[in-house]
C-alpha atoms as a PDB file:
ATOM      1  CA  UNK A   1      19.454 121.243  12.129  1.00  0.00           C
ATOM      2  CA  UNK A   2      19.352 121.020  15.913  1.00  0.00           C
ATOM      3  CA  UNK A   3      22.267 123.078  17.215  1.00  0.00           C
ATOM      4  CA  UNK A   4      21.374 122.194  20.789  1.00  0.00           C
ATOM      5  CA  UNK A   5      21.695 118.475  20.022  1.00  0.00           C
ATOM      6  CA  UNK A   6      24.966 119.000  18.163  1.00  0.00           C
ATOM      7  CA  UNK A   7      26.375 121.080  21.020  1.00  0.00           C
ATOM      8  CA  UNK A   8      25.363 118.463  23.574  1.00  0.00           C
ATOM      9  CA  UNK A   9      26.894 115.712  21.448  1.00  0.00           C
ATOM     10  CA  UNK A  10      30.155 117.650  21.198  1.00  0.00           C
ATOM     11  CA  UNK A  11      30.211 118.084  24.967  1.00  0.00           C
ATOM     12  CA  UNK A  12      29.354 114.455  25.710  1.00  0.00           C
ATOM     13  CA  UNK A  13      32.106 113.122  23.446  1.00  0.00           C
ATOM     14  CA  UNK A  14      34.668 115.770  24.531  1.00  0.00           C
ATOM     15  CA  UNK A  15      35.092 117.080  20.988  1.00  0.00           C
ATOM     16  CA  UNK A  16      38.010 119.464  20.568  1.00  0.00           C
ATOM     17  CA  UNK A  17      36.642 123.012  20.943  1.00  0.00           C
ATOM     18  CA  UNK A  18      38.629 124.549  18.092  1.00  0.00           C
ATOM     19  CA  UNK A  19      37.511 121.851  15.658  1.00  0.00           C
ATOM     20  CA  UNK A  20      33.930 122.135  16.909  1.00  0.00           C
ATOM     21  CA  UNK A  21      33.897 125.926  16.485  1.00  0.00           C
ATOM     22  CA  UNK A  22      35.177 125.591  12.914  1.00  0.00           C
ATOM     23  CA  UNK A  23      32.502 122.993  12.157  1.00  0.00           C
ATOM     24  CA  UNK A  24      29.812 125.299  13.533  1.00  0.00           C
ATOM     25  CA  UNK A  25      31.164 128.074  11.312  1.00  0.00           C
ATOM     26  CA  UNK A  26      30.643 125.809   8.295  1.00  0.00           C
ATOM     27  CA  UNK A  27      27.115 125.005   9.438  1.00  0.00           C
ATOM     28  CA  UNK A  28      26.332 128.695   9.740  1.00  0.00           C
ATOM     29  CA  UNK A  29      28.121 129.943   6.618  1.00  0.00           C
ATOM     30  CA  UNK A  30      28.311 126.962   4.274  1.00  0.00           C
ATOM     31  CA  UNK A  31      25.143 125.051   5.103  1.00  0.00           C
ATOM     32  CA  UNK A  32      24.408 124.167   1.470  1.00  0.00           C
ATOM     33  CA  UNK A  33      27.816 122.514   1.126  1.00  0.00           C
ATOM     34  CA  UNK A  34      27.370 120.581   4.358  1.00  0.00           C
ATOM     35  CA  UNK A  35      23.834 119.541   3.439  1.00  0.00           C
ATOM     36  CA  UNK A  36      25.052 118.304   0.055  1.00  0.00           C
ATOM     37  CA  UNK A  37      27.319 115.831   1.825  1.00  0.00           C
ATOM     38  CA  UNK A  38      24.617 114.807   4.291  1.00  0.00           C
ATOM     39  CA  UNK A  39      22.022 114.213   1.577  1.00  0.00           C
ATOM     40  CA  UNK A  40      24.260 112.373  -0.881  1.00  0.00           C
ATOM     41  CA  UNK A  41      26.645 110.340   1.259  1.00  0.00           C
ATOM     42  CA  UNK A  42      25.880 106.860   2.574  1.00  0.00           C
ATOM     43  CA  UNK A  43      27.653 103.829   3.998  1.00  0.00           C
ATOM     44  CA  UNK A  44      28.545 102.704   0.472  1.00  0.00           C
ATOM     45  CA  UNK A  45      29.084 106.163  -1.024  1.00  0.00           C
ATOM     46  CA  UNK A  46      31.531 108.479   0.683  1.00  0.00           C
ATOM     47  CA  UNK A  47      32.450 110.382  -2.484  1.00  0.00           C
ATOM     48  CA  UNK A  48      30.874 113.645  -1.238  1.00  0.00           C
ATOM     49  CA  UNK A  49      33.129 113.548   1.842  1.00  0.00           C
ATOM     50  CA  UNK A  50      36.195 112.615  -0.205  1.00  0.00           C
ATOM     51  CA  UNK A  51      35.484 115.380  -2.736  1.00  0.00           C
ATOM     52  CA  UNK A  52      35.441 117.988   0.032  1.00  0.00           C
ATOM     53  CA  UNK A  53      38.836 116.800   1.293  1.00  0.00           C
ATOM     54  CA  UNK A  54      40.380 116.737  -2.184  1.00  0.00           C
ATOM     55  CA  UNK A  55      39.223 120.276  -2.939  1.00  0.00           C
ATOM     56  CA  UNK A  56      40.823 121.761   0.180  1.00  0.00           C
ATOM     57  CA  UNK A  57      42.097 119.330   2.803  1.00  0.00           C
ATOM     58  CA  UNK A  58      42.145 121.808   5.694  1.00  0.00           C
ATOM     59  CA  UNK A  59      38.784 123.435   5.016  1.00  0.00           C
ATOM     60  CA  UNK A  60      37.378 120.116   3.861  1.00  0.00           C
ATOM     61  CA  UNK A  61      38.161 118.561   7.232  1.00  0.00           C
ATOM     62  CA  UNK A  62      35.974 121.203   8.889  1.00  0.00           C
ATOM     63  CA  UNK A  63      33.192 120.616   6.373  1.00  0.00           C
ATOM     64  CA  UNK A  64      33.418 116.848   6.887  1.00  0.00           C
ATOM     65  CA  UNK A  65      33.189 117.253  10.648  1.00  0.00           C
ATOM     66  CA  UNK A  66      30.172 119.534  10.256  1.00  0.00           C
ATOM     67  CA  UNK A  67      28.494 116.960   7.988  1.00  0.00           C
ATOM     68  CA  UNK A  68      29.291 114.147  10.422  1.00  0.00           C
ATOM     69  CA  UNK A  69      27.716 116.095  13.283  1.00  0.00           C
ATOM     70  CA  UNK A  70      24.655 116.774  11.155  1.00  0.00           C
ATOM     71  CA  UNK A  71      24.316 113.116  10.159  1.00  0.00           C
ATOM     72  CA  UNK A  72      24.630 112.225  13.846  1.00  0.00           C
ATOM     73  CA  UNK A  73      21.153 113.680  14.377  1.00  0.00           C
ATOM     74  CA  UNK A  74      19.651 111.138  11.998  1.00  0.00           C
ATOM     75  CA  UNK A  75      21.721 108.363  13.558  1.00  0.00           C
ATOM     76  CA  UNK A  76      20.446 109.261  17.020  1.00  0.00           C
ATOM     77  CA  UNK A  77      16.847 109.028  15.786  1.00  0.00           C
ATOM     78  CA  UNK A  78      17.571 105.529  14.477  1.00  0.00           C
ATOM     79  CA  UNK A  79      19.093 104.548  17.811  1.00  0.00           C
ATOM     80  CA  UNK A  80      15.940 105.714  19.567  1.00  0.00           C
ATOM     81  CA  UNK A  81      13.743 103.834  17.081  1.00  0.00           C
ATOM     82  CA  UNK A  82      15.668 100.632  17.771  1.00  0.00           C
ATOM     83  CA  UNK A  83      15.570 101.249  21.519  1.00  0.00           C
ATOM     84  CA  UNK A  84      19.364 101.355  21.857  1.00  0.00           C
ATOM     85  CA  UNK A  85      20.399 103.175  25.072  1.00  0.00           C
ATOM     86  CA  UNK A  86      21.870 106.670  24.909  1.00  0.00           C
ATOM     87  CA  UNK A  87      25.094 105.571  26.580  1.00  0.00           C
ATOM     88  CA  UNK A  88      25.831 103.262  23.619  1.00  0.00           C
ATOM     89  CA  UNK A  89      25.191 106.126  21.214  1.00  0.00           C
ATOM     90  CA  UNK A  90      27.544 108.529  22.956  1.00  0.00           C
ATOM     91  CA  UNK A  91      30.208 105.867  23.539  1.00  0.00           C
ATOM     92  CA  UNK A  92      30.090 104.931  19.873  1.00  0.00           C
ATOM     93  CA  UNK A  93      30.133 108.488  18.571  1.00  0.00           C
ATOM     94  CA  UNK A  94      33.052 109.390  20.830  1.00  0.00           C
ATOM     95  CA  UNK A  95      35.166 107.922  18.022  1.00  0.00           C
ATOM     96  CA  UNK A  96      34.602 111.188  16.161  1.00  0.00           C
ATOM     97  CA  UNK A  97      36.709 112.886  18.825  1.00  0.00           C
ATOM     98  CA  UNK A  98      39.376 110.211  18.536  1.00  0.00           C
ATOM     99  CA  UNK A  99      39.822 110.895  14.824  1.00  0.00           C
ATOM    100  CA  UNK A 100      39.587 114.665  15.193  1.00  0.00           C
ATOM    101  CA  UNK A 101      42.420 114.419  17.722  1.00  0.00           C
ATOM    102  CA  UNK A 102      44.339 112.180  15.331  1.00  0.00           C
ATOM    103  CA  UNK A 103      44.010 114.728  12.512  1.00  0.00           C
ATOM    104  CA  UNK A 104      45.373 117.418  14.812  1.00  0.00           C
ATOM    105  CA  UNK A 105      48.235 115.246  16.062  1.00  0.00           C
ATOM    106  CA  UNK A 106      49.317 113.860  12.703  1.00  0.00           C
ATOM    107  CA  UNK A 107      48.640 116.767  10.322  1.00  0.00           C
ATOM    108  CA  UNK A 108      47.861 119.743  12.555  1.00  0.00           C
ATOM    109  CA  UNK A 109      44.410 119.979  10.967  1.00  0.00           C
ATOM    110  CA  UNK A 110      41.243 120.855  12.887  1.00  0.00           C
ATOM    111  CA  UNK A 111      38.482 118.606  11.632  1.00  0.00           C
ATOM    112  CA  UNK A 112      37.752 115.110  10.386  1.00  0.00           C
ATOM    113  CA  UNK A 113      39.935 113.286   7.859  1.00  0.00           C
ATOM    114  CA  UNK A 114      39.185 109.575   8.436  1.00  0.00           C
ATOM    115  CA  UNK A 115      35.831 109.705   6.671  1.00  0.00           C
ATOM    116  CA  UNK A 116      36.002 106.145   5.308  1.00  0.00           C
ATOM    117  CA  UNK A 117      36.347 104.875   8.850  1.00  0.00           C
ATOM    118  CA  UNK A 118      33.794 107.119  10.530  1.00  0.00           C
ATOM    119  CA  UNK A 119      31.096 106.067   8.049  1.00  0.00           C
ATOM    120  CA  UNK A 120      30.630 102.846  10.017  1.00  0.00           C
ATOM    121  CA  UNK A 121      29.566 104.869  13.032  1.00  0.00           C
ATOM    122  CA  UNK A 122      27.421 107.409  11.185  1.00  0.00           C
ATOM    123  CA  UNK A 123      25.390 104.744   9.406  1.00  0.00           C
ATOM    124  CA  UNK A 124      24.949 102.251  12.272  1.00  0.00           C
ATOM    125  CA  UNK A 125      27.432  99.718  10.947  1.00  0.00           C
ATOM    126  CA  UNK A 126      29.555  99.717  14.096  1.00  0.00           C
ATOM    127  CA  UNK A 127      28.953 100.105  17.832  1.00  0.00           C
ATOM    128  CA  UNK A 128      31.237 100.650  20.804  1.00  0.00           C
ATOM    129  CA  UNK A 129      30.339  98.355  23.686  1.00  0.00           C
ATOM    130  CA  UNK A 130      32.652  98.802  26.610  1.00  0.00           C
ATOM    131  CA  UNK A 131      36.320  98.704  25.616  1.00  0.00           C
ATOM    132  CA  UNK A 132      35.873  97.513  22.018  1.00  0.00           C
ATOM    133  CA  UNK A 133      33.970  98.321  18.836  1.00  0.00           C
ATOM    134  CA  UNK A 134      32.003  95.812  16.748  1.00  0.00           C
ATOM    135  CA  UNK A 135      31.352  96.143  13.028  1.00  0.00           C
ATOM    136  CA  UNK A 136      28.935  94.211  10.827  1.00  0.00           C
ATOM    137  CA  UNK A 137      31.271  92.408   8.463  1.00  0.00           C
ATOM    138  CA  UNK A 138      31.634  89.578   5.946  1.00  0.00           C
ATOM    139  CA  UNK A 139      35.022  87.874   5.952  1.00  0.00           C
ATOM    140  CA  UNK A 140      37.245  88.254   2.908  1.00  0.00           C
ATOM    141  CA  UNK A 141      40.408  86.354   3.683  1.00  0.00           C
ATOM    142  CA  UNK A 142      42.069  87.057   0.330  1.00  0.00           C
ATOM    143  CA  UNK A 143      41.694  90.804   0.889  1.00  0.00           C
ATOM    144  CA  UNK A 144      42.975  90.354   4.439  1.00  0.00           C
ATOM    145  CA  UNK A 145      46.158  88.741   3.145  1.00  0.00           C
ATOM    146  CA  UNK A 146      45.701  85.168   4.348  1.00  0.00           C
ATOM    147  CA  UNK A 147      47.278  82.400   2.286  1.00  0.00           C
ATOM    148  CA  UNK A 148      45.250  79.421   0.994  1.00  0.00           C
ATOM    149  CA  UNK A 149      46.822  77.272   3.727  1.00  0.00           C
ATOM    150  CA  UNK A 150      45.831  79.781   6.414  1.00  0.00           C
ATOM    151  CA  UNK A 151      42.304  80.039   5.022  1.00  0.00           C
ATOM    152  CA  UNK A 152      42.022  76.284   5.425  1.00  0.00           C
ATOM    153  CA  UNK A 153      43.032  76.632   9.094  1.00  0.00           C
ATOM    154  CA  UNK A 154      40.534  79.425   9.806  1.00  0.00           C
ATOM    155  CA  UNK A 155      37.806  78.228  12.222  1.00  0.00           C
ATOM    156  CA  UNK A 156      35.216  80.392  10.431  1.00  0.00           C
ATOM    157  CA  UNK A 157      34.532  79.874   6.722  1.00  0.00           C
ATOM    158  CA  UNK A 158      35.331  82.654   4.294  1.00  0.00           C
ATOM    159  CA  UNK A 159      32.480  84.971   3.244  1.00  0.00           C
ATOM    160  CA  UNK A 160      30.775  84.402   6.614  1.00  0.00           C
ATOM    161  CA  UNK A 161      28.884  87.048   8.533  1.00  0.00           C
ATOM    162  CA  UNK A 162      30.871  88.029  11.610  1.00  0.00           C
ATOM    163  CA  UNK A 163      31.425  90.898  14.001  1.00  0.00           C
ATOM    164  CA  UNK A 164      34.704  92.615  13.267  1.00  0.00           C
ATOM    165  CA  UNK A 165      36.434  93.802  16.455  1.00  0.00           C
ATOM    166  CA  UNK A 166      38.241  97.131  16.584  1.00  0.00           C
ATOM    167  CA  UNK A 167      40.128  98.545  19.550  1.00  0.00           C
ATOM    168  CA  UNK A 168      39.893 102.345  19.770  1.00  0.00           C
ATOM    169  CA  UNK A 169      42.817 104.235  21.230  1.00  0.00           C
ATOM    170  CA  UNK A 170      42.592 105.810  24.657  1.00  0.00           C
ATOM    171  CA  UNK A 171      41.903 103.507  27.572  1.00  0.00           C
ATOM    172  CA  UNK A 172      44.214 100.704  28.707  1.00  0.00           C
ATOM    173  CA  UNK A 173      43.845  97.380  26.938  1.00  0.00           C
ATOM    174  CA  UNK A 174      42.726  95.620  30.097  1.00  0.00           C
ATOM    175  CA  UNK A 175      42.026  91.907  29.569  1.00  0.00           C
ATOM    176  CA  UNK A 176      39.061  91.805  31.973  1.00  0.00           C
ATOM    177  CA  UNK A 177      37.508  94.846  30.285  1.00  0.00           C
ATOM    178  CA  UNK A 178      37.878  93.188  26.885  1.00  0.00           C
ATOM    179  CA  UNK A 179      36.179  90.033  28.181  1.00  0.00           C
ATOM    180  CA  UNK A 180      33.394  92.171  29.600  1.00  0.00           C
ATOM    181  CA  UNK A 181      33.047  93.941  26.256  1.00  0.00           C
ATOM    182  CA  UNK A 182      32.629  90.614  24.427  1.00  0.00           C
ATOM    183  CA  UNK A 183      29.849  89.625  26.814  1.00  0.00           C
ATOM    184  CA  UNK A 184      28.168  92.971  26.222  1.00  0.00           C
ATOM    185  CA  UNK A 185      28.414  92.471  22.455  1.00  0.00           C
ATOM    186  CA  UNK A 186      26.806  89.044  22.557  1.00  0.00           C
ATOM    187  CA  UNK A 187      23.856  90.450  24.536  1.00  0.00           C
ATOM    188  CA  UNK A 188      23.614  93.637  22.468  1.00  0.00           C
ATOM    189  CA  UNK A 189      23.426  92.021  19.036  1.00  0.00           C
ATOM    190  CA  UNK A 190      21.107  89.318  20.291  1.00  0.00           C
ATOM    191  CA  UNK A 191      18.698  91.952  21.630  1.00  0.00           C
ATOM    192  CA  UNK A 192      18.846  94.693  18.989  1.00  0.00           C
ATOM    193  CA  UNK A 193      19.860  92.812  15.836  1.00  0.00           C
ATOM    194  CA  UNK A 194      18.543  89.246  16.376  1.00  0.00           C
ATOM    195  CA  UNK A 195      18.223  88.735  12.615  1.00  0.00           C
ATOM    196  CA  UNK A 196      21.998  89.052  12.157  1.00  0.00           C
ATOM    197  CA  UNK A 197      23.191  85.452  12.117  1.00  0.00           C
ATOM    198  CA  UNK A 198      26.896  85.923  12.726  1.00  0.00           C
ATOM    199  CA  UNK A 199      29.334  83.027  13.130  1.00  0.00           C
ATOM    200  CA  UNK A 200      31.732  84.673  15.544  1.00  0.00           C
ATOM    201  CA  UNK A 201      34.187  87.531  15.949  1.00  0.00           C
ATOM    202  CA  UNK A 202      37.300  88.403  13.961  1.00  0.00           C
ATOM    203  CA  UNK A 203      40.022  90.950  14.570  1.00  0.00           C
ATOM    204  CA  UNK A 204      42.680  92.072  12.095  1.00  0.00           C
ATOM    205  CA  UNK A 205      45.124  94.164  14.125  1.00  0.00           C
ATOM    206  CA  UNK A 206      48.773  94.938  14.855  1.00  0.00           C
ATOM    207  CA  UNK A 207      47.942  93.995  18.447  1.00  0.00           C
ATOM    208  CA  UNK A 208      47.679  90.356  17.306  1.00  0.00           C
ATOM    209  CA  UNK A 209      50.863  90.106  15.237  1.00  0.00           C
ATOM    210  CA  UNK A 210      52.457  86.826  16.466  1.00  0.00           C
ATOM    211  CA  UNK A 211      55.863  88.491  16.117  1.00  0.00           C
ATOM    212  CA  UNK A 212      54.995  90.773  19.031  1.00  0.00           C
ATOM    213  CA  UNK A 213      56.091  87.910  21.275  1.00  0.00           C
ATOM    214  CA  UNK A 214      59.659  88.425  20.057  1.00  0.00           C
ATOM    215  CA  UNK A 215      60.015  91.752  21.826  1.00  0.00           C
ATOM    216  CA  UNK A 216      57.010  92.437  24.070  1.00  0.00           C
ATOM    217  CA  UNK A 217      56.807  91.445  27.714  1.00  0.00           C
ATOM    218  CA  UNK A 218      54.811  88.238  28.214  1.00  0.00           C
ATOM    219  CA  UNK A 219      52.705  89.884  30.931  1.00  0.00           C
ATOM    220  CA  UNK A 220      51.895  92.982  28.847  1.00  0.00           C
ATOM    221  CA  UNK A 221      48.274  93.833  28.118  1.00  0.00           C
ATOM    222  CA  UNK A 222      48.871  93.390  24.404  1.00  0.00           C
ATOM    223  CA  UNK A 223      50.176  89.845  24.808  1.00  0.00           C
ATOM    224  CA  UNK A 224      47.315  88.985  27.174  1.00  0.00           C
ATOM    225  CA  UNK A 225      44.830  90.362  24.636  1.00  0.00           C
ATOM    226  CA  UNK A 226      45.755  87.630  22.169  1.00  0.00           C
ATOM    227  CA  UNK A 227      44.523  85.042  24.689  1.00  0.00           C
ATOM    228  CA  UNK A 228      40.943  86.071  23.909  1.00  0.00           C
ATOM    229  CA  UNK A 229      41.217  84.393  20.515  1.00  0.00           C
ATOM    230  CA  UNK A 230      40.968  80.680  19.784  1.00  0.00           C
ATOM    231  CA  UNK A 231      43.116  81.059  16.649  1.00  0.00           C
ATOM    232  CA  UNK A 232      45.494  83.773  15.442  1.00  0.00           C
ATOM    233  CA  UNK A 233      46.922  83.710  11.922  1.00  0.00           C
ATOM    234  CA  UNK A 234      49.564  86.012  10.409  1.00  0.00           C
ATOM    235  CA  UNK A 235      48.661  87.641   7.067  1.00  0.00           C
ATOM    236  CA  UNK A 236      51.549  87.631   4.589  1.00  0.00           C
ATOM    237  CA  UNK A 237      51.538  91.435   4.307  1.00  0.00           C
ATOM    238  CA  UNK A 238      53.793  93.510   6.562  1.00  0.00           C
ATOM    239  CA  UNK A 239      53.055  97.071   7.672  1.00  0.00           C
ATOM    240  CA  UNK A 240      54.256  99.788  10.050  1.00  0.00           C
ATOM    241  CA  UNK A 241      50.923 100.331  11.824  1.00  0.00           C
ATOM    242  CA  UNK A 242      52.655  99.839  15.163  1.00  0.00           C
ATOM    243  CA  UNK A 243      54.680 103.002  14.510  1.00  0.00           C
ATOM    244  CA  UNK A 244      51.534 105.008  13.912  1.00  0.00           C
ATOM    245  CA  UNK A 245      49.946 103.674  17.079  1.00  0.00           C
ATOM    246  CA  UNK A 246      52.948 104.077  19.362  1.00  0.00           C
ATOM    247  CA  UNK A 247      54.449 107.270  17.941  1.00  0.00           C
ATOM    248  CA  UNK A 248      51.715 108.878  15.819  1.00  0.00           C
ATOM    249  CA  UNK A 249      53.805 108.697  12.631  1.00  0.00           C
ATOM    250  CA  UNK A 250      52.540 107.435   9.270  1.00  0.00           C
ATOM    251  CA  UNK A 251      55.653 107.840   7.122  1.00  0.00           C
ATOM    252  CA  UNK A 252      56.892 104.438   5.970  1.00  0.00           C
ATOM    253  CA  UNK A 253      60.428 105.883   5.768  1.00  0.00           C
ATOM    254  CA  UNK A 254      60.557 106.796   9.458  1.00  0.00           C
ATOM    255  CA  UNK A 255      64.091 106.815  10.858  1.00  0.00           C
ATOM    256  CA  UNK A 256      63.789 104.295  13.694  1.00  0.00           C
ATOM    257  CA  UNK A 257      66.805 105.741  15.501  1.00  0.00           C
ATOM    258  CA  UNK A 258      64.908 109.008  16.025  1.00  0.00           C
ATOM    259  CA  UNK A 259      61.885 107.398  17.669  1.00  0.00           C
ATOM    260  CA  UNK A 260      61.320 108.383  21.303  1.00  0.00           C
ATOM    261  CA  UNK A 261      61.686 105.912  24.188  1.00  0.00           C
ATOM    262  CA  UNK A 262      59.188 107.294  26.692  1.00  0.00           C
ATOM    263  CA  UNK A 263      57.632 103.927  27.547  1.00  0.00           C
ATOM    264  CA  UNK A 264      58.912 100.388  27.972  1.00  0.00           C
ATOM    265  CA  UNK A 265      56.921  99.317  24.915  1.00  0.00           C
ATOM    266  CA  UNK A 266      58.456 102.070  22.809  1.00  0.00           C
ATOM    267  CA  UNK A 267      61.941 101.024  23.927  1.00  0.00           C
ATOM    268  CA  UNK A 268      61.316  97.346  23.143  1.00  0.00           C
ATOM    269  CA  UNK A 269      59.700  98.101  19.778  1.00  0.00           C
ATOM    270  CA  UNK A 270      62.401 100.566  18.717  1.00  0.00           C
ATOM    271  CA  UNK A 271      65.177  98.088  19.518  1.00  0.00           C
ATOM    272  CA  UNK A 272      63.367  95.337  17.616  1.00  0.00           C
ATOM    273  CA  UNK A 273      62.967  97.582  14.552  1.00  0.00           C
ATOM    274  CA  UNK A 274      66.589  98.728  14.663  1.00  0.00           C
ATOM    275  CA  UNK A 275      67.640  95.062  14.600  1.00  0.00           C
ATOM    276  CA  UNK A 276      65.676  94.581  11.404  1.00  0.00           C
ATOM    277  CA  UNK A 277      62.485  93.160  12.901  1.00  0.00           C
ATOM    278  CA  UNK A 278      59.363  93.136  10.728  1.00  0.00           C
ATOM    279  CA  UNK A 279      55.894  94.100  11.913  1.00  0.00           C
ATOM    280  CA  UNK A 280      52.363  93.684  10.653  1.00  0.00           C
ATOM    281  CA  UNK A 281      48.979  92.373  11.716  1.00  0.00           C
ATOM    282  CA  UNK A 282      47.563  89.199  13.165  1.00  0.00           C
ATOM    283  CA  UNK A 283      44.114  87.840  12.267  1.00  0.00           C
ATOM    284  CA  UNK A 284      42.241  86.464  15.263  1.00  0.00           C
ATOM    285  CA  UNK A 285      39.052  84.426  15.646  1.00  0.00           C
ATOM    286  CA  UNK A 286      36.541  84.016  18.471  1.00  0.00           C
ATOM    287  CA  UNK A 287      33.668  81.605  17.919  1.00  0.00           C
ATOM    288  CA  UNK A 288      30.144  82.723  18.723  1.00  0.00           C
END
């Protein structure tokens, strides 16, 4: 365990100090428990993380963060072995801070709760390149909620290797920065993972819901973002992810009338929801 590395990582990714201090406490006083997670978890097996959260969600979040920081050491060594620049490592691992902040905002818990998500970062299955993140992925259109007719319209065949795009919260969704990120991704995967024969990019996100056009400004960054994609399909499943992203609320029974109106987008979205509007995701494609 390299405390100096962990401390530098925490500083470079602006990790919340309270959460970091609690994780360090676990490393110093519960090292066996943290090591158990580190030694038994993997990309396909997150049961040790989940078990810690089920036992005691608040303490477990601290233990999970400590384990994630410990696993980060091994991940960094793999980055160095592959020759991937440090800036990509720190940009990618900054997502730990995003989810630590989310846990604090949504549940007032200091630590890491989104362990199923963060596994992609810990085990080199996803990288942040500029504004966006890219995950090794094989399409599963049935799981994604596309109908047989939509699957037929998809420009990339089902069960194809692709790069799955994710848009982390934080910076503005600037169209030029997203274009730049795509260019970076094409170069990055060609240089460091040339054996990965992907067919293109996909993105399953509330940002691409075609119904956004019913209430969002046409010149908004979100509407411009959809122009990156050659095809956008609407899965048949609805969800309230937009509420989580705009207001930080996960409860499906949220009273729309109580939602704040601090931004133009919040005002437009709230009015749309109060009028009975439905929301969900869009599924976008970009060919290689």
